[in-house]
Amino acid sequence: MTTVNVHTAKSKLSALLHSVEERHERIIISRYGKAVAELVPLRHGDRTVTDNRLSDITFHADPTESTEEEWNDV
């Protein structure tokens, strides 16, 4: 884990972001020697994986059915 001060973080932000993105490095940004922030890589979830809890959902009606009648009764 790398620690940099605010001035260095401002002047080398692109390089720091590259380290975080490519090397999955965590970078601490400090002010007056005290850690104040951390640059960390974002975790991107796998959009092709279905959540198992979805199998517990039960539809009691056709969710694609028109709801015009419901709106006209209001």
PDB file of N, CA and C in Angstrom:
ATOM      1  N   MET A   1       0.844  -1.164   0.000  1.00  0.00           N
ATOM      2  CA  MET A   1       0.000   0.000   0.000  1.00  0.00           C
ATOM      3  C   MET A   1       0.897   1.238   0.000  1.00  0.00           C
ATOM      4  N   THR A   2       0.561   2.174  -0.870  1.00  0.00           N
ATOM      5  CA  THR A   2       1.345   3.391  -1.017  1.00  0.00           C
ATOM      6  C   THR A   2       0.653   4.530  -0.280  1.00  0.00           C
ATOM      7  N   THR A   3       1.440   5.412   0.324  1.00  0.00           N
ATOM      8  CA  THR A   3       0.908   6.607   0.962  1.00  0.00           C
ATOM      9  C   THR A   3       1.520   7.829   0.303  1.00  0.00           C
ATOM     10  N   VAL A   4       0.670   8.786  -0.072  1.00  0.00           N
ATOM     11  CA  VAL A   4       1.141  10.029  -0.688  1.00  0.00           C
ATOM     12  C   VAL A   4       0.464  11.200   0.013  1.00  0.00           C
ATOM     13  N   ASN A   5       1.112  12.368  -0.050  1.00  0.00           N
ATOM     14  CA  ASN A   5       0.484  13.543   0.537  1.00  0.00           C
ATOM     15  C   ASN A   5      -0.455  14.185  -0.484  1.00  0.00           C
ATOM     16  N   VAL A   6      -1.241  15.148  -0.037  1.00  0.00           N
ATOM     17  CA  VAL A   6      -2.244  15.771  -0.896  1.00  0.00           C
ATOM     18  C   VAL A   6      -1.616  16.422  -2.117  1.00  0.00           C
ATOM     19  N   HIS A   7      -0.498  17.109  -1.941  1.00  0.00           N
ATOM     20  CA  HIS A   7       0.148  17.782  -3.061  1.00  0.00           C
ATOM     21  C   HIS A   7       0.552  16.770  -4.144  1.00  0.00           C
ATOM     22  N   THR A   8       1.154  15.676  -3.734  1.00  0.00           N
ATOM     23  CA  THR A   8       1.555  14.643  -4.687  1.00  0.00           C
ATOM     24  C   THR A   8       0.329  14.023  -5.355  1.00  0.00           C
ATOM     25  N   ALA A   9      -0.718  13.798  -4.582  1.00  0.00           N
ATOM     26  CA  ALA A   9      -1.942  13.216  -5.143  1.00  0.00           C
ATOM     27  C   ALA A   9      -2.535  14.125  -6.206  1.00  0.00           C
ATOM     28  N   LYS A  10      -2.525  15.448  -5.960  1.00  0.00           N
ATOM     29  CA  LYS A  10      -3.066  16.378  -6.947  1.00  0.00           C
ATOM     30  C   LYS A  10      -2.213  16.421  -8.202  1.00  0.00           C
ATOM     31  N   SER A  11      -0.910  16.425  -8.040  1.00  0.00           N
ATOM     32  CA  SER A  11      -0.038  16.569  -9.202  1.00  0.00           C
ATOM     33  C   SER A  11       0.154  15.259  -9.982  1.00  0.00           C
ATOM     34  N   LYS A  12      -0.104  14.114  -9.349  1.00  0.00           N
ATOM     35  CA  LYS A  12       0.111  12.823 -10.010  1.00  0.00           C
ATOM     36  C   LYS A  12      -1.145  11.960  -9.996  1.00  0.00           C
ATOM     37  N   LEU A  13      -2.298  12.605 -10.027  1.00  0.00           N
ATOM     38  CA  LEU A  13      -3.547  11.860  -9.924  1.00  0.00           C
ATOM     39  C   LEU A  13      -3.695  10.816 -11.031  1.00  0.00           C
ATOM     40  N   SER A  14      -3.377  11.172 -12.264  1.00  0.00           N
ATOM     41  CA  SER A  14      -3.511  10.219 -13.365  1.00  0.00           C
ATOM     42  C   SER A  14      -2.661   8.973 -13.139  1.00  0.00           C
ATOM     43  N   ALA A  15      -1.427   9.161 -12.705  1.00  0.00           N
ATOM     44  CA  ALA A  15      -0.535   8.022 -12.452  1.00  0.00           C
ATOM     45  C   ALA A  15      -1.052   7.179 -11.285  1.00  0.00           C
ATOM     46  N   LEU A  16      -1.584   7.834 -10.262  1.00  0.00           N
ATOM     47  CA  LEU A  16      -2.119   7.098  -9.120  1.00  0.00           C
ATOM     48  C   LEU A  16      -3.347   6.283  -9.533  1.00  0.00           C
ATOM     49  N   LEU A  17      -4.219   6.886 -10.328  1.00  0.00           N
ATOM     50  CA  LEU A  17      -5.386   6.164 -10.807  1.00  0.00           C
ATOM     51  C   LEU A  17      -4.992   4.971 -11.667  1.00  0.00           C
ATOM     52  N   HIS A  18      -3.931   5.141 -12.460  1.00  0.00           N
ATOM     53  CA  HIS A  18      -3.437   4.030 -13.267  1.00  0.00           C
ATOM     54  C   HIS A  18      -2.986   2.877 -12.368  1.00  0.00           C
ATOM     55  N   SER A  19      -2.281   3.182 -11.295  1.00  0.00           N
ATOM     56  CA  SER A  19      -1.832   2.141 -10.357  1.00  0.00           C
ATOM     57  C   SER A  19      -3.017   1.424  -9.723  1.00  0.00           C
ATOM     58  N   VAL A  20      -4.035   2.196  -9.367  1.00  0.00           N
ATOM     59  CA  VAL A  20      -5.217   1.600  -8.751  1.00  0.00           C
ATOM     60  C   VAL A  20      -5.938   0.712  -9.761  1.00  0.00           C
ATOM     61  N   GLU A  21      -6.071   1.212 -10.978  1.00  0.00           N
ATOM     62  CA  GLU A  21      -6.828   0.494 -12.000  1.00  0.00           C
ATOM     63  C   GLU A  21      -6.103  -0.748 -12.514  1.00  0.00           C
ATOM     64  N   GLU A  22      -4.840  -0.607 -12.844  1.00  0.00           N
ATOM     65  CA  GLU A  22      -4.096  -1.695 -13.469  1.00  0.00           C
ATOM     66  C   GLU A  22      -3.514  -2.694 -12.471  1.00  0.00           C
ATOM     67  N   ARG A  23      -3.024  -2.188 -11.351  1.00  0.00           N
ATOM     68  CA  ARG A  23      -2.345  -3.056 -10.376  1.00  0.00           C
ATOM     69  C   ARG A  23      -3.202  -3.385  -9.167  1.00  0.00           C
ATOM     70  N   HIS A  24      -4.434  -2.842  -9.163  1.00  0.00           N
ATOM     71  CA  HIS A  24      -5.342  -3.036  -8.024  1.00  0.00           C
ATOM     72  C   HIS A  24      -4.685  -2.609  -6.709  1.00  0.00           C
ATOM     73  N   GLU A  25      -3.918  -1.543  -6.784  1.00  0.00           N
ATOM     74  CA  GLU A  25      -3.194  -1.027  -5.625  1.00  0.00           C
ATOM     75  C   GLU A  25      -4.092  -0.094  -4.829  1.00  0.00           C
ATOM     76  N   ARG A  26      -3.958  -0.112  -3.522  1.00  0.00           N
ATOM     77  CA  ARG A  26      -4.680   0.814  -2.647  1.00  0.00           C
ATOM     78  C   ARG A  26      -3.714   1.940  -2.281  1.00  0.00           C
ATOM     79  N   ILE A  27      -4.186   3.168  -2.382  1.00  0.00           N
ATOM     80  CA  ILE A  27      -3.321   4.320  -2.134  1.00  0.00           C
ATOM     81  C   ILE A  27      -3.953   5.193  -1.067  1.00  0.00           C
ATOM     82  N   ILE A  28      -3.197   5.471  -0.025  1.00  0.00           N
ATOM     83  CA  ILE A  28      -3.640   6.335   1.062  1.00  0.00           C
ATOM     84  C   ILE A  28      -3.192   7.763   0.759  1.00  0.00           C
ATOM     85  N   ILE A  29      -4.095   8.722   0.923  1.00  0.00           N
ATOM     86  CA  ILE A  29      -3.756  10.137   0.757  1.00  0.00           C
ATOM     87  C   ILE A  29      -3.767  10.760   2.145  1.00  0.00           C
ATOM     88  N   SER A  30      -2.673  11.433   2.472  1.00  0.00           N
ATOM     89  CA  SER A  30      -2.550  12.003   3.811  1.00  0.00           C
ATOM     90  C   SER A  30      -2.369  13.509   3.756  1.00  0.00           C
ATOM     91  N   ARG A  31      -2.783  14.156   4.831  1.00  0.00           N
ATOM     92  CA  ARG A  31      -2.591  15.597   5.001  1.00  0.00           C
ATOM     93  C   ARG A  31      -1.896  15.789   6.340  1.00  0.00           C
ATOM     94  N   TYR A  32      -0.753  16.463   6.309  1.00  0.00           N
ATOM     95  CA  TYR A  32       0.065  16.695   7.512  1.00  0.00           C
ATOM     96  C   TYR A  32       0.373  15.389   8.236  1.00  0.00           C
ATOM     97  N   GLY A  33       0.617  14.338   7.452  1.00  0.00           N
ATOM     98  CA  GLY A  33       0.999  13.047   8.016  1.00  0.00           C
ATOM     99  C   GLY A  33      -0.153  12.193   8.508  1.00  0.00           C
ATOM    100  N   LYS A  34      -1.386  12.686   8.399  1.00  0.00           N
ATOM    101  CA  LYS A  34      -2.557  11.936   8.868  1.00  0.00           C
ATOM    102  C   LYS A  34      -3.371  11.460   7.662  1.00  0.00           C
ATOM    103  N   ALA A  35      -3.658  10.172   7.614  1.00  0.00           N
ATOM    104  CA  ALA A  35      -4.432   9.604   6.505  1.00  0.00           C
ATOM    105  C   ALA A  35      -5.836  10.195   6.498  1.00  0.00           C
ATOM    106  N   VAL A  36      -6.248  10.686   5.320  1.00  0.00           N
ATOM    107  CA  VAL A  36      -7.581  11.290   5.213  1.00  0.00           C
ATOM    108  C   VAL A  36      -8.452  10.627   4.144  1.00  0.00           C
ATOM    109  N   ALA A  37      -7.846   9.911   3.195  1.00  0.00           N
ATOM    110  CA  ALA A  37      -8.619   9.273   2.131  1.00  0.00           C
ATOM    111  C   ALA A  37      -7.858   8.073   1.598  1.00  0.00           C
ATOM    112  N   GLU A  38      -8.587   7.245   0.880  1.00  0.00           N
ATOM    113  CA  GLU A  38      -7.976   6.063   0.282  1.00  0.00           C
ATOM    114  C   GLU A  38      -8.529   5.873  -1.123  1.00  0.00           C
ATOM    115  N   LEU A  39      -7.638   5.697  -2.081  1.00  0.00           N
ATOM    116  CA  LEU A  39      -8.035   5.346  -3.443  1.00  0.00           C
ATOM    117  C   LEU A  39      -8.017   3.829  -3.536  1.00  0.00           C
ATOM    118  N   VAL A  40      -9.148   3.256  -3.894  1.00  0.00           N
ATOM    119  CA  VAL A  40      -9.240   1.799  -3.994  1.00  0.00           C
ATOM    120  C   VAL A  40      -9.917   1.436  -5.313  1.00  0.00           C
ATOM    121  N   PRO A  41      -9.589   0.290  -5.875  1.00  0.00           N
ATOM    122  CA  PRO A  41     -10.249  -0.123  -7.113  1.00  0.00           C
ATOM    123  C   PRO A  41     -11.720  -0.457  -6.839  1.00  0.00           C
ATOM    124  N   LEU A  42     -12.572  -0.114  -7.785  1.00  0.00           N
ATOM    125  CA  LEU A  42     -13.983  -0.464  -7.680  1.00  0.00           C
ATOM    126  C   LEU A  42     -14.171  -1.932  -7.992  1.00  0.00           C
ATOM    127  N   ARG A  43     -15.098  -2.538  -7.297  1.00  0.00           N
ATOM    128  CA  ARG A  43     -15.448  -3.917  -7.598  1.00  0.00           C
ATOM    129  C   ARG A  43     -16.636  -3.887  -8.549  1.00  0.00           C
ATOM    130  N   HIS A  44     -16.474  -4.512  -9.683  1.00  0.00           N
ATOM    131  CA  HIS A  44     -17.558  -4.602 -10.644  1.00  0.00           C
ATOM    132  C   HIS A  44     -18.165  -5.986 -10.540  1.00  0.00           C
ATOM    133  N   GLY A  45     -19.437  -6.019 -10.190  1.00  0.00           N
ATOM    134  CA  GLY A  45     -20.123  -7.301 -10.063  1.00  0.00           C
ATOM    135  C   GLY A  45     -20.318  -7.956 -11.420  1.00  0.00           C
ATOM    136  N   ASP A  46     -20.491  -9.241 -11.400  1.00  0.00           N
ATOM    137  CA  ASP A  46     -20.731  -9.996 -12.618  1.00  0.00           C
ATOM    138  C   ASP A  46     -22.213  -9.924 -12.941  1.00  0.00           C
ATOM    139  N   ARG A  47     -22.575  -9.230 -13.999  1.00  0.00           N
ATOM    140  CA  ARG A  47     -23.978  -9.028 -14.342  1.00  0.00           C
ATOM    141  C   ARG A  47     -24.627 -10.277 -14.927  1.00  0.00           C
ATOM    142  N   THR A  48     -23.854 -11.299 -15.213  1.00  0.00           N
ATOM    143  CA  THR A  48     -24.440 -12.510 -15.789  1.00  0.00           C
ATOM    144  C   THR A  48     -24.834 -13.518 -14.717  1.00  0.00           C
ATOM    145  N   VAL A  49     -24.501 -13.250 -13.467  1.00  0.00           N
ATOM    146  CA  VAL A  49     -24.835 -14.166 -12.386  1.00  0.00           C
ATOM    147  C   VAL A  49     -26.176 -13.747 -11.793  1.00  0.00           C
ATOM    148  N   THR A  50     -27.108 -14.683 -11.699  1.00  0.00           N
ATOM    149  CA  THR A  50     -28.423 -14.417 -11.147  1.00  0.00           C
ATOM    150  C   THR A  50     -28.400 -14.635  -9.647  1.00  0.00           C
ATOM    151  N   ASP A  51     -29.009 -13.729  -8.926  1.00  0.00           N
ATOM    152  CA  ASP A  51     -29.106 -13.858  -7.471  1.00  0.00           C
ATOM    153  C   ASP A  51     -30.047 -15.019  -7.141  1.00  0.00           C
ATOM    154  N   ASN A  52     -29.614 -15.917  -6.289  1.00  0.00           N
ATOM    155  CA  ASN A  52     -30.412 -17.094  -5.930  1.00  0.00           C
ATOM    156  C   ASN A  52     -31.727 -16.721  -5.265  1.00  0.00           C
ATOM    157  N   ARG A  53     -31.798 -15.561  -4.626  1.00  0.00           N
ATOM    158  CA  ARG A  53     -33.030 -15.149  -3.958  1.00  0.00           C
ATOM    159  C   ARG A  53     -34.160 -14.895  -4.952  1.00  0.00           C
ATOM    160  N   LEU A  54     -33.843 -14.689  -6.222  1.00  0.00           N
ATOM    161  CA  LEU A  54     -34.881 -14.450  -7.224  1.00  0.00           C
ATOM    162  C   LEU A  54     -35.774 -15.666  -7.418  1.00  0.00           C
ATOM    163  N   SER A  55     -35.286 -16.853  -7.110  1.00  0.00           N
ATOM    164  CA  SER A  55     -36.102 -18.057  -7.271  1.00  0.00           C
ATOM    165  C   SER A  55     -37.221 -18.119  -6.232  1.00  0.00           C
ATOM    166  N   ASP A  56     -37.154 -17.304  -5.175  1.00  0.00           N
ATOM    167  CA  ASP A  56     -38.185 -17.288  -4.139  1.00  0.00           C
ATOM    168  C   ASP A  56     -39.379 -16.409  -4.514  1.00  0.00           C
ATOM    169  N   ILE A  57     -39.293 -15.659  -5.593  1.00  0.00           N
ATOM    170  CA  ILE A  57     -40.356 -14.744  -5.978  1.00  0.00           C
ATOM    171  C   ILE A  57     -41.466 -15.514  -6.692  1.00  0.00           C
ATOM    172  N   THR A  58     -42.700 -15.253  -6.273  1.00  0.00           N
ATOM    173  CA  THR A  58     -43.860 -15.873  -6.894  1.00  0.00           C
ATOM    174  C   THR A  58     -44.782 -14.770  -7.415  1.00  0.00           C
ATOM    175  N   PHE A  59     -45.140 -14.851  -8.680  1.00  0.00           N
ATOM    176  CA  PHE A  59     -46.082 -13.910  -9.271  1.00  0.00           C
ATOM    177  C   PHE A  59     -47.469 -14.532  -9.227  1.00  0.00           C
ATOM    178  N   HIS A  60     -48.455 -13.783  -8.755  1.00  0.00           N
ATOM    179  CA  HIS A  60     -49.833 -14.270  -8.704  1.00  0.00           C
ATOM    180  C   HIS A  60     -50.648 -13.727  -9.880  1.00  0.00           C
ATOM    181  N   ALA A  61     -49.981 -13.004 -10.746  1.00  0.00           N
ATOM    182  CA  ALA A  61     -50.622 -12.470 -11.951  1.00  0.00           C
ATOM    183  C   ALA A  61     -49.555 -12.360 -13.021  1.00  0.00           C
ATOM    184  N   ASP A  62     -49.974 -12.111 -14.227  1.00  0.00           N
ATOM    185  CA  ASP A  62     -49.025 -11.949 -15.329  1.00  0.00           C
ATOM    186  C   ASP A  62     -48.453 -10.528 -15.264  1.00  0.00           C
ATOM    187  N   PRO A  63     -47.149 -10.384 -14.978  1.00  0.00           N
ATOM    188  CA  PRO A  63     -46.586  -9.040 -14.851  1.00  0.00           C
ATOM    189  C   PRO A  63     -46.550  -8.278 -16.169  1.00  0.00           C
ATOM    190  N   THR A  64     -46.798  -8.956 -17.276  1.00  0.00           N
ATOM    191  CA  THR A  64     -46.799  -8.266 -18.565  1.00  0.00           C
ATOM    192  C   THR A  64     -48.212  -7.892 -19.006  1.00  0.00           C
ATOM    193  N   GLU A  65     -49.206  -8.282 -18.215  1.00  0.00           N
ATOM    194  CA  GLU A  65     -50.598  -8.002 -18.551  1.00  0.00           C
ATOM    195  C   GLU A  65     -50.894  -6.516 -18.402  1.00  0.00           C
ATOM    196  N   SER A  66     -51.721  -5.989 -19.260  1.00  0.00           N
ATOM    197  CA  SER A  66     -52.098  -4.579 -19.232  1.00  0.00           C
ATOM    198  C   SER A  66     -52.782  -4.233 -17.913  1.00  0.00           C
ATOM    199  N   THR A  67     -52.553  -3.042 -17.428  1.00  0.00           N
ATOM    200  CA  THR A  67     -53.172  -2.583 -16.181  1.00  0.00           C
ATOM    201  C   THR A  67     -54.136  -1.429 -16.433  1.00  0.00           C
ATOM    202  N   GLU A  68     -54.591  -1.291 -17.673  1.00  0.00           N
ATOM    203  CA  GLU A  68     -55.478  -0.177 -18.020  1.00  0.00           C
ATOM    204  C   GLU A  68     -56.749  -0.171 -17.165  1.00  0.00           C
ATOM    205  N   GLU A  69     -57.354  -1.330 -16.947  1.00  0.00           N
ATOM    206  CA  GLU A  69     -58.587  -1.382 -16.165  1.00  0.00           C
ATOM    207  C   GLU A  69     -58.367  -0.842 -14.760  1.00  0.00           C
ATOM    208  N   GLU A  70     -57.260  -1.175 -14.160  1.00  0.00           N
ATOM    209  CA  GLU A  70     -56.963  -0.696 -12.819  1.00  0.00           C
ATOM    210  C   GLU A  70     -56.897   0.816 -12.773  1.00  0.00           C
ATOM    211  N   TRP A  71     -56.310   1.418 -13.778  1.00  0.00           N
ATOM    212  CA  TRP A  71     -56.139   2.879 -13.800  1.00  0.00           C
ATOM    213  C   TRP A  71     -57.461   3.579 -14.110  1.00  0.00           C
ATOM    214  N   ASN A  72     -58.306   2.944 -14.915  1.00  0.00           N
ATOM    215  CA  ASN A  72     -59.579   3.579 -15.251  1.00  0.00           C
ATOM    216  C   ASN A  72     -60.547   3.574 -14.069  1.00  0.00           C
ATOM    217  N   ASP A  73     -60.403   2.646 -13.129  1.00  0.00           N
ATOM    218  CA  ASP A  73     -61.287   2.568 -11.973  1.00  0.00           C
ATOM    219  C   ASP A  73     -60.977   3.642 -10.943  1.00  0.00           C
ATOM    220  N   VAL A  74     -59.853   4.264 -11.026  1.00  0.00           N
ATOM    221  CA  VAL A  74     -59.427   5.234 -10.002  1.00  0.00           C
ATOM    222  C   VAL A  74     -60.133   6.538 -10.152  1.00  0.00           C
TER     223      VAL A  74
END
